[in-house]
Amino acid sequence: MKHRFLELQRFLDEHGFKYEADDDQQTIFFVFRDQHTYLVLLHLDEYFFQIRASPGCRVPDGARLQLADAVCRVNCHLNLGNFELNMDSGELRYHASVPLKGSSLTKETFAFVLAAAFGTMECYVPALLSCIFGNEAPEDAVRHAEMSNLGKHSGTNRRRKKRSDAE
């Protein structure tokens, strides 16, 4: 397992990430900046490689139900990972995991999961924030995000067509 953790660190080093590693807990923390800034936690154990990414803001009590609606709308269309909202604390985050039991974890898998997570965050976090701070209806915010981002990321978490859309 230590070997996998060192491989993950090597991958991050090769791609210029600045991070803090906790060898005992097999976790890595870093800040990712693109159009927005995200707090990212990577964790390895014998069963899973996991990523958790957060926009770093707490959802106010009064906005949590509306945001939960938006999170459900987004999650229906994701192929990898999901958004989570802690209704008690207001923490919003993206979470994805890859099972590892009995298999190896390659650099390609690291890259794929990170790209999917960051692409998903860049696509949907602005919509989720607009539900919290801009009073935008969840359905409108999610639809706008998906229409604005068509073709901008690898397709890993692109909206799937509904059966009625394809007919």
Foldseek 3Di string as FASTA:
>chain_A
DLVQLVVLVVLCVVVVFDWDADSVQSKIWGWDDDPAIWTWIWHDDQWKTKIKIFSPDFFDLVLVVQLVVLQVVLQVQFQFWGWDADNVGRTIITMGMDTRNPHDQDSVNVVVVVQSRVLSCVLQVVLSVCVRPVVDGSVVSNVVSLVVCVPVGDCNRHGDDDPVRVD
